Protein backbone atom coordinates (compact mmCIF):
# COMPACT_ATOMS: atom_id res chain seq x y z
CA ALA A 1 99.92 67.29 -125.58
CA ASP A 2 101.43 70.72 -126.21
CA GLU A 3 103.07 69.53 -129.43
CA TYR A 4 99.94 67.73 -130.56
CA TYR A 5 97.78 70.83 -130.18
CA GLY A 6 100.50 72.96 -131.75
CA PHE A 7 100.36 70.72 -134.80
CA SER A 8 96.58 70.92 -134.78
CA LEU A 9 96.82 74.72 -134.84
CA GLN A 10 99.09 74.54 -137.88
CA LEU A 11 96.21 72.81 -139.66
CA ASP A 12 93.54 75.22 -138.37
CA LYS A 13 94.69 78.32 -136.54
CA ASP A 14 91.10 79.30 -135.74
CA ASP A 15 90.14 76.13 -133.85
CA PRO A 16 89.08 77.23 -130.36
CA MET A 17 89.33 73.70 -128.98
CA SER A 18 93.01 73.40 -129.86
CA TRP A 19 93.77 76.78 -128.27
CA VAL A 20 91.99 75.94 -125.01
CA TYR A 21 93.44 72.46 -124.74
CA ARG A 22 96.95 73.63 -125.60
CA GLY A 23 96.57 76.30 -122.94
CA GLU A 24 95.47 73.70 -120.43
CA ALA A 25 98.49 71.55 -121.29
CA ARG A 26 100.79 74.52 -120.73
CA ILE A 27 99.14 75.34 -117.42
CA MET A 28 99.57 71.77 -116.22
CA SER A 29 103.23 71.81 -117.24
CA GLY A 30 103.85 74.91 -115.11
CA ALA A 31 103.74 77.63 -117.79
CA ILE A 32 100.67 79.15 -116.18
CA ASP A 33 100.67 82.67 -117.64
CA ALA A 34 101.34 81.43 -121.18
CA GLY A 35 98.66 78.78 -120.79
CA VAL A 36 96.06 81.24 -119.57
CA GLU A 37 96.73 83.46 -122.58
CA LEU A 38 96.20 80.52 -124.93
CA VAL A 39 92.93 79.64 -123.19
CA LYS A 40 91.77 83.25 -123.51
CA LYS A 41 92.55 83.17 -127.24
CA GLY A 42 90.44 80.01 -127.56
CA LEU A 43 87.56 81.59 -125.66
CA SER A 44 87.73 84.60 -127.94
CA LEU A 45 87.58 82.43 -131.05
CA ALA A 46 84.70 80.36 -129.64
CA GLY A 47 82.59 83.42 -128.97
CA ASN A 48 79.03 82.57 -128.03
CA LYS A 49 78.64 79.71 -130.48
CA PRO A 50 76.47 77.03 -128.88
CA GLU A 51 78.64 74.19 -130.19
CA PHE A 52 81.48 75.49 -128.00
CA LYS A 53 79.48 75.96 -124.78
CA ASP A 54 81.18 73.09 -122.91
CA LEU A 55 84.58 74.20 -124.13
CA CYS A 56 83.92 77.77 -122.97
CA ASP A 57 82.73 76.57 -119.59
CA ARG A 58 85.97 74.60 -119.19
CA GLY A 59 88.09 77.52 -120.39
CA LYS A 60 86.41 79.99 -118.06
CA VAL A 61 87.12 77.73 -115.08
CA LEU A 62 90.78 77.51 -116.08
CA VAL A 63 91.08 81.28 -116.41
CA LYS A 64 89.29 81.87 -113.12
CA GLN A 65 91.44 79.34 -111.31
CA PHE A 66 94.84 80.19 -112.77
CA ALA A 67 94.82 83.81 -114.00
CA ARG A 68 96.87 86.16 -111.92
CA VAL A 69 95.01 89.34 -111.10
């Protein structure tokens, strides 16, 4: 999944979905801090656009659950 989303980002580096999902893949593979940073990047790119509401909800849960304070 990490490679797939990496390739997707080569095609469109501003795709919030690819950033969040790549971050989630990294988190699940044990690279938690790196994954959280990727999710945050995706959330930043998504902004408050209504088409990304579900993605942002998912990303926020990941950050809340895995971010180290």
